[in-house]
Amino acid sequence: MDEFILSVCRAESGALLIPAYAQELALAVTHSLPLVQWTLRLGYEGWRSVAFQRATVRRSINQTHYEAFQVTYPT
């Protein structure tokens, strides 16, 4: 099973910020699926599964003071 690996940021408020190309990819997937399972790897905390609905996918403009991590989901 292939996986897309997306670069994502987490704001100090805890909000997830997804760059434009990832947003477009996520919207393309969620257009045909009711839900996309994302797996978050947060430093040494291990892997966590989080389900995002289409409305929660947001574009980030300000990239300062954000904690970077990766989001993957199966194709």
N, C-alpha and C. Protein backbone atom coordinates (compact mmCIF):
# COMPACT_ATOMS: atom_id res chain seq x y z
N MET A 1 0.85 -1.19 0.00
CA MET A 1 0.00 0.00 0.00
C MET A 1 0.88 1.24 0.00
N ASP A 2 0.64 2.14 -0.94
CA ASP A 2 1.41 3.38 -1.01
C ASP A 2 0.87 4.40 -0.02
N GLU A 3 1.73 5.34 0.35
CA GLU A 3 1.31 6.41 1.24
C GLU A 3 1.79 7.74 0.71
N PHE A 4 0.95 8.75 0.86
CA PHE A 4 1.38 10.11 0.64
C PHE A 4 1.95 10.64 1.94
N ILE A 5 3.08 11.37 1.86
CA ILE A 5 3.65 11.99 3.05
C ILE A 5 3.58 13.49 2.86
N LEU A 6 2.88 14.17 3.75
CA LEU A 6 2.64 15.59 3.64
C LEU A 6 3.31 16.34 4.78
N SER A 7 3.89 17.48 4.45
CA SER A 7 4.47 18.33 5.49
C SER A 7 3.38 19.23 6.06
N VAL A 8 3.20 19.19 7.36
CA VAL A 8 2.14 19.93 8.01
C VAL A 8 2.73 20.63 9.23
N CYS A 9 2.07 21.69 9.68
CA CYS A 9 2.52 22.40 10.87
C CYS A 9 1.42 22.42 11.92
N ARG A 10 1.84 22.55 13.17
CA ARG A 10 0.89 22.70 14.26
C ARG A 10 1.18 24.04 14.93
N ALA A 11 0.17 24.91 14.99
CA ALA A 11 0.34 26.21 15.61
C ALA A 11 0.44 26.05 17.12
N GLU A 12 0.89 27.09 17.79
CA GLU A 12 0.99 27.05 19.25
C GLU A 12 -0.38 26.82 19.89
N SER A 13 -1.43 27.21 19.18
CA SER A 13 -2.79 26.98 19.69
C SER A 13 -3.21 25.52 19.56
N GLY A 14 -2.44 24.73 18.81
CA GLY A 14 -2.77 23.33 18.59
C GLY A 14 -3.51 23.08 17.29
N ALA A 15 -3.84 24.16 16.56
CA ALA A 15 -4.53 23.99 15.29
C ALA A 15 -3.60 23.35 14.26
N LEU A 16 -4.15 22.51 13.41
CA LEU A 16 -3.36 21.88 12.36
C LEU A 16 -3.40 22.75 11.11
N LEU A 17 -2.23 23.00 10.55
CA LEU A 17 -2.12 23.88 9.39
C LEU A 17 -1.53 23.09 8.24
N ILE A 18 -2.27 23.00 7.16
CA ILE A 18 -1.88 22.17 6.03
C ILE A 18 -1.60 23.07 4.83
N PRO A 19 -0.43 22.94 4.17
CA PRO A 19 -0.12 23.80 3.04
C PRO A 19 -1.05 23.57 1.85
N ALA A 20 -1.02 24.51 0.92
CA ALA A 20 -1.99 24.52 -0.17
C ALA A 20 -1.98 23.22 -0.98
N TYR A 21 -0.81 22.70 -1.35
CA TYR A 21 -0.77 21.48 -2.16
C TYR A 21 -1.37 20.30 -1.40
N ALA A 22 -1.15 20.26 -0.10
CA ALA A 22 -1.72 19.17 0.71
C ALA A 22 -3.23 19.35 0.84
N GLN A 23 -3.66 20.60 0.93
CA GLN A 23 -5.09 20.86 1.01
C GLN A 23 -5.79 20.37 -0.26
N GLU A 24 -5.19 20.69 -1.40
CA GLU A 24 -5.79 20.27 -2.67
C GLU A 24 -5.83 18.75 -2.77
N LEU A 25 -4.76 18.10 -2.34
CA LEU A 25 -4.71 16.64 -2.37
C LEU A 25 -5.74 16.05 -1.42
N ALA A 26 -5.82 16.62 -0.22
CA ALA A 26 -6.79 16.13 0.76
C ALA A 26 -8.22 16.32 0.28
N LEU A 27 -8.49 17.48 -0.34
CA LEU A 27 -9.83 17.73 -0.85
C LEU A 27 -10.17 16.76 -1.99
N ALA A 28 -9.17 16.44 -2.80
CA ALA A 28 -9.40 15.49 -3.89
C ALA A 28 -9.77 14.11 -3.34
N VAL A 29 -9.12 13.72 -2.23
CA VAL A 29 -9.42 12.42 -1.63
C VAL A 29 -10.77 12.46 -0.92
N THR A 30 -11.01 13.51 -0.13
CA THR A 30 -12.24 13.55 0.64
C THR A 30 -13.46 13.82 -0.24
N HIS A 31 -13.22 14.24 -1.47
CA HIS A 31 -14.34 14.44 -2.38
C HIS A 31 -15.05 13.12 -2.66
N SER A 32 -14.28 12.03 -2.69
CA SER A 32 -14.87 10.72 -2.98
C SER A 32 -15.02 9.86 -1.72
N LEU A 33 -14.44 10.29 -0.62
CA LEU A 33 -14.55 9.55 0.63
C LEU A 33 -15.17 10.45 1.70
N PRO A 34 -16.01 9.90 2.56
CA PRO A 34 -16.61 10.71 3.61
C PRO A 34 -15.58 11.14 4.65
N LEU A 35 -14.50 10.38 4.78
CA LEU A 35 -13.53 10.63 5.84
C LEU A 35 -12.15 10.16 5.38
N VAL A 36 -11.11 10.86 5.79
CA VAL A 36 -9.75 10.43 5.51
C VAL A 36 -9.05 10.21 6.84
N GLN A 37 -8.44 9.03 7.00
CA GLN A 37 -7.70 8.76 8.23
C GLN A 37 -6.28 9.28 8.08
N TRP A 38 -5.90 10.19 8.96
CA TRP A 38 -4.55 10.73 8.96
C TRP A 38 -3.79 10.11 10.13
N THR A 39 -2.52 9.83 9.93
CA THR A 39 -1.68 9.35 11.01
C THR A 39 -0.63 10.42 11.30
N LEU A 40 -0.61 10.89 12.54
CA LEU A 40 0.30 11.96 12.92
C LEU A 40 1.46 11.39 13.73
N ARG A 41 2.66 11.79 13.35
CA ARG A 41 3.83 11.40 14.14
C ARG A 41 4.33 12.67 14.82
N LEU A 42 4.11 12.76 16.13
CA LEU A 42 4.43 13.96 16.88
C LEU A 42 5.68 13.72 17.72
N GLY A 43 6.84 14.05 17.18
CA GLY A 43 8.10 13.90 17.90
C GLY A 43 8.26 12.47 18.40
N TYR A 44 8.50 12.32 19.70
CA TYR A 44 8.70 11.00 20.29
C TYR A 44 7.40 10.43 20.86
N GLU A 45 6.29 11.10 20.61
CA GLU A 45 5.03 10.65 21.18
C GLU A 45 4.44 9.47 20.42
N GLY A 46 5.04 9.13 19.28
CA GLY A 46 4.55 8.00 18.51
C GLY A 46 3.48 8.40 17.50
N TRP A 47 2.81 7.38 16.96
CA TRP A 47 1.83 7.61 15.90
C TRP A 47 0.44 7.70 16.49
N ARG A 48 -0.34 8.65 15.95
CA ARG A 48 -1.74 8.79 16.36
C ARG A 48 -2.61 8.88 15.13
N SER A 49 -3.77 8.26 15.17
CA SER A 49 -4.72 8.35 14.06
C SER A 49 -5.76 9.42 14.36
N VAL A 50 -5.96 10.31 13.41
CA VAL A 50 -6.94 11.38 13.56
C VAL A 50 -7.76 11.47 12.29
N ALA A 51 -9.07 11.53 12.42
CA ALA A 51 -9.94 11.64 11.25
C ALA A 51 -10.30 13.10 11.01
N PHE A 52 -10.04 13.58 9.80
CA PHE A 52 -10.37 14.95 9.44
C PHE A 52 -11.54 14.97 8.46
N GLN A 53 -12.51 15.79 8.73
CA GLN A 53 -13.56 16.02 7.74
C GLN A 53 -13.08 17.11 6.80
N ARG A 54 -13.69 17.19 5.64
CA ARG A 54 -13.24 18.14 4.63
C ARG A 54 -13.16 19.57 5.17
N ALA A 55 -14.12 19.98 5.99
CA ALA A 55 -14.18 21.36 6.47
C ALA A 55 -13.02 21.70 7.40
N THR A 56 -12.36 20.69 7.96
CA THR A 56 -11.28 20.98 8.90
C THR A 56 -9.93 21.18 8.20
N VAL A 57 -9.88 20.95 6.89
CA VAL A 57 -8.63 21.13 6.16
C VAL A 57 -8.44 22.62 5.88
N ARG A 58 -7.37 23.19 6.40
CA ARG A 58 -7.16 24.64 6.29
C ARG A 58 -5.80 24.95 5.66
N ARG A 59 -5.74 26.08 4.99
CA ARG A 59 -4.49 26.52 4.37
C ARG A 59 -3.73 27.42 5.34
N SER A 60 -2.43 27.21 5.41
CA SER A 60 -1.58 28.01 6.29
C SER A 60 -0.82 29.06 5.47
N ILE A 61 -0.78 30.29 5.96
CA ILE A 61 -0.02 31.35 5.29
C ILE A 61 1.21 31.72 6.13
N ASN A 62 1.02 31.96 7.41
CA ASN A 62 2.11 32.33 8.29
C ASN A 62 2.78 31.07 8.82
N GLN A 63 4.05 30.87 8.48
CA GLN A 63 4.75 29.64 8.86
C GLN A 63 5.68 29.82 10.06
N THR A 64 5.59 30.94 10.76
CA THR A 64 6.51 31.15 11.89
C THR A 64 5.92 30.58 13.18
N HIS A 65 6.80 30.10 14.04
CA HIS A 65 6.44 29.60 15.37
C HIS A 65 5.50 28.39 15.29
N TYR A 66 5.64 27.59 14.28
CA TYR A 66 4.83 26.38 14.17
C TYR A 66 5.73 25.15 14.35
N GLU A 67 5.17 24.14 14.94
CA GLU A 67 5.88 22.88 15.11
C GLU A 67 5.61 22.00 13.89
N ALA A 68 6.67 21.57 13.23
CA ALA A 68 6.50 20.78 12.01
C ALA A 68 6.36 19.29 12.33
N PHE A 69 5.52 18.60 11.59
CA PHE A 69 5.43 17.15 11.67
C PHE A 69 4.88 16.64 10.35
N GLN A 70 4.74 15.37 10.21
CA GLN A 70 4.28 14.78 8.95
C GLN A 70 2.92 14.13 9.12
N VAL A 71 2.16 14.15 8.06
CA VAL A 71 0.87 13.46 8.02
C VAL A 71 0.92 12.48 6.86
N THR A 72 0.53 11.25 7.10
CA THR A 72 0.47 10.27 6.02
C THR A 72 -0.91 9.65 5.96
N TYR A 73 -1.33 9.29 4.77
CA TYR A 73 -2.53 8.48 4.65
C TYR A 73 -2.40 7.55 3.45
N PRO A 74 -3.00 6.38 3.49
CA PRO A 74 -2.85 5.41 2.41
C PRO A 74 -3.59 5.84 1.16
N THR A 75 -3.04 5.47 0.02
CA THR A 75 -3.68 5.77 -1.27
C THR A 75 -4.71 4.72 -1.60
